[in-house]
Amino acid sequence: MAEETVGTLAELYLGNLLYALELAALALEREEKPTDAGFYRGIARKLAEARGREVGAG
């Protein structure tokens, strides 16, 4: 098995990570913290865009 790195694990579990980030954002919205929710959605967007670029280039 290949060496486990942050990158390989993040790639493997990207869908789960995106889901968890959205759950965090939803919880923060319920707490009336839209700036914090936006921060977590921004992280998710960057991860999804990076994956899209990776798939598109491959």
N, C-alpha and C. Protein backbone atom coordinates (compact mmCIF):
# COMPACT_ATOMS: atom_id res chain seq x y z
N MET A 1 0.84 -1.19 0.00
CA MET A 1 0.00 0.00 0.00
C MET A 1 0.88 1.25 0.00
N ALA A 2 0.45 2.25 -0.73
CA ALA A 2 1.21 3.50 -0.81
C ALA A 2 1.25 4.18 0.56
N GLU A 3 2.27 4.99 0.74
CA GLU A 3 2.41 5.72 1.99
C GLU A 3 1.23 6.66 2.19
N GLU A 4 0.67 6.66 3.39
CA GLU A 4 -0.45 7.55 3.68
C GLU A 4 0.09 8.94 3.99
N THR A 5 -0.33 9.90 3.20
CA THR A 5 0.01 11.29 3.43
C THR A 5 -1.29 12.07 3.57
N VAL A 6 -1.16 13.30 4.01
CA VAL A 6 -2.35 14.15 4.13
C VAL A 6 -3.03 14.25 2.77
N GLY A 7 -2.26 14.42 1.73
CA GLY A 7 -2.82 14.55 0.38
C GLY A 7 -3.56 13.31 -0.09
N THR A 8 -2.96 12.14 0.11
CA THR A 8 -3.62 10.93 -0.35
C THR A 8 -4.88 10.64 0.46
N LEU A 9 -4.82 10.89 1.76
CA LEU A 9 -6.01 10.68 2.59
C LEU A 9 -7.11 11.69 2.25
N ALA A 10 -6.74 12.94 2.03
CA ALA A 10 -7.72 13.96 1.66
C ALA A 10 -8.38 13.61 0.33
N GLU A 11 -7.59 13.12 -0.60
CA GLU A 11 -8.14 12.72 -1.90
C GLU A 11 -9.11 11.54 -1.74
N LEU A 12 -8.72 10.57 -0.94
CA LEU A 12 -9.53 9.39 -0.72
C LEU A 12 -10.86 9.74 -0.06
N TYR A 13 -10.83 10.66 0.90
CA TYR A 13 -12.02 10.99 1.68
C TYR A 13 -12.61 12.36 1.34
N LEU A 14 -12.33 12.86 0.14
CA LEU A 14 -12.76 14.21 -0.22
C LEU A 14 -14.27 14.40 -0.09
N GLY A 15 -15.05 13.47 -0.56
CA GLY A 15 -16.50 13.59 -0.46
C GLY A 15 -16.96 13.70 0.99
N ASN A 16 -16.39 12.88 1.85
CA ASN A 16 -16.72 12.92 3.27
C ASN A 16 -16.32 14.26 3.89
N LEU A 17 -15.15 14.75 3.50
CA LEU A 17 -14.69 16.03 4.03
C LEU A 17 -15.59 17.18 3.59
N LEU A 18 -15.98 17.17 2.32
CA LEU A 18 -16.87 18.23 1.82
C LEU A 18 -18.21 18.19 2.55
N TYR A 19 -18.71 16.99 2.77
CA TYR A 19 -19.98 16.84 3.50
C TYR A 19 -19.85 17.39 4.92
N ALA A 20 -18.77 17.04 5.60
CA ALA A 20 -18.57 17.51 6.97
C ALA A 20 -18.41 19.02 7.03
N LEU A 21 -17.72 19.59 6.05
CA LEU A 21 -17.58 21.05 6.01
C LEU A 21 -18.94 21.73 5.81
N GLU A 22 -19.79 21.15 4.99
CA GLU A 22 -21.12 21.72 4.78
C GLU A 22 -21.96 21.59 6.05
N LEU A 23 -21.86 20.45 6.75
CA LEU A 23 -22.58 20.31 8.02
C LEU A 23 -22.13 21.37 9.03
N ALA A 24 -20.83 21.61 9.07
CA ALA A 24 -20.31 22.65 9.96
C ALA A 24 -20.87 24.02 9.58
N ALA A 25 -20.91 24.30 8.28
CA ALA A 25 -21.43 25.58 7.82
C ALA A 25 -22.91 25.73 8.17
N LEU A 26 -23.68 24.68 8.00
CA LEU A 26 -25.10 24.73 8.35
C LEU A 26 -25.29 24.97 9.84
N ALA A 27 -24.50 24.31 10.66
CA ALA A 27 -24.59 24.51 12.11
C ALA A 27 -24.24 25.94 12.48
N LEU A 28 -23.23 26.48 11.84
CA LEU A 28 -22.85 27.87 12.12
C LEU A 28 -23.92 28.85 11.67
N GLU A 29 -24.59 28.55 10.57
CA GLU A 29 -25.70 29.41 10.15
C GLU A 29 -26.81 29.39 11.19
N ARG A 30 -27.11 28.21 11.74
CA ARG A 30 -28.14 28.11 12.79
C ARG A 30 -27.75 28.91 14.02
N GLU A 31 -26.46 29.03 14.25
CA GLU A 31 -25.95 29.83 15.38
C GLU A 31 -25.82 31.30 15.01
N GLU A 32 -26.31 31.64 13.83
CA GLU A 32 -26.26 33.02 13.31
C GLU A 32 -24.83 33.55 13.22
N LYS A 33 -23.98 32.70 12.62
CA LYS A 33 -22.58 33.06 12.38
C LYS A 33 -22.28 32.88 10.90
N PRO A 34 -22.87 33.76 10.06
CA PRO A 34 -22.70 33.58 8.62
C PRO A 34 -21.27 33.75 8.12
N THR A 35 -20.49 34.57 8.78
CA THR A 35 -19.09 34.74 8.36
C THR A 35 -18.30 33.45 8.57
N ASP A 36 -18.53 32.83 9.72
CA ASP A 36 -17.84 31.56 9.99
C ASP A 36 -18.32 30.47 9.02
N ALA A 37 -19.62 30.44 8.75
CA ALA A 37 -20.17 29.46 7.80
C ALA A 37 -19.52 29.67 6.42
N GLY A 38 -19.39 30.90 6.02
CA GLY A 38 -18.77 31.20 4.73
C GLY A 38 -17.32 30.76 4.68
N PHE A 39 -16.63 30.86 5.80
CA PHE A 39 -15.24 30.42 5.86
C PHE A 39 -15.14 28.92 5.54
N TYR A 40 -15.99 28.12 6.17
CA TYR A 40 -15.95 26.68 5.93
C TYR A 40 -16.42 26.32 4.52
N ARG A 41 -17.37 27.06 4.01
CA ARG A 41 -17.80 26.82 2.63
C ARG A 41 -16.69 27.22 1.65
N GLY A 42 -15.93 28.23 2.01
CA GLY A 42 -14.80 28.63 1.18
C GLY A 42 -13.74 27.55 1.10
N ILE A 43 -13.47 26.91 2.23
CA ILE A 43 -12.52 25.79 2.24
C ILE A 43 -13.03 24.68 1.33
N ALA A 44 -14.31 24.34 1.47
CA ALA A 44 -14.91 23.28 0.65
C ALA A 44 -14.83 23.63 -0.83
N ARG A 45 -15.11 24.88 -1.15
CA ARG A 45 -15.07 25.31 -2.56
C ARG A 45 -13.66 25.16 -3.11
N LYS A 46 -12.65 25.58 -2.34
CA LYS A 46 -11.26 25.47 -2.80
C LYS A 46 -10.87 24.00 -3.03
N LEU A 47 -11.27 23.13 -2.12
CA LEU A 47 -10.97 21.70 -2.28
C LEU A 47 -11.65 21.14 -3.52
N ALA A 48 -12.93 21.47 -3.71
CA ALA A 48 -13.67 20.96 -4.86
C ALA A 48 -13.10 21.49 -6.16
N GLU A 49 -12.75 22.77 -6.19
CA GLU A 49 -12.16 23.34 -7.41
C GLU A 49 -10.82 22.71 -7.74
N ALA A 50 -10.00 22.48 -6.71
CA ALA A 50 -8.69 21.85 -6.93
C ALA A 50 -8.87 20.45 -7.48
N ARG A 51 -9.85 19.72 -6.95
CA ARG A 51 -10.11 18.36 -7.46
C ARG A 51 -10.60 18.42 -8.90
N GLY A 52 -11.43 19.39 -9.21
CA GLY A 52 -11.92 19.54 -10.58
C GLY A 52 -10.79 19.83 -11.56
N ARG A 53 -9.85 20.66 -11.16
CA ARG A 53 -8.69 20.97 -12.01
C ARG A 53 -7.85 19.71 -12.20
N GLU A 54 -7.69 18.96 -11.13
CA GLU A 54 -6.89 17.74 -11.18
C GLU A 54 -7.50 16.71 -12.13
N VAL A 55 -8.79 16.52 -12.02
CA VAL A 55 -9.50 15.57 -12.89
C VAL A 55 -9.49 16.06 -14.33
N GLY A 56 -9.69 17.34 -14.52
CA GLY A 56 -9.72 17.92 -15.87
C GLY A 56 -8.36 17.81 -16.58
N ALA A 57 -7.29 17.88 -15.80
CA ALA A 57 -5.95 17.82 -16.40
C ALA A 57 -5.51 16.38 -16.63
N GLY A 58 -6.18 15.43 -16.00
CA GLY A 58 -5.74 14.03 -16.07
C GLY A 58 -6.33 13.35 -17.22
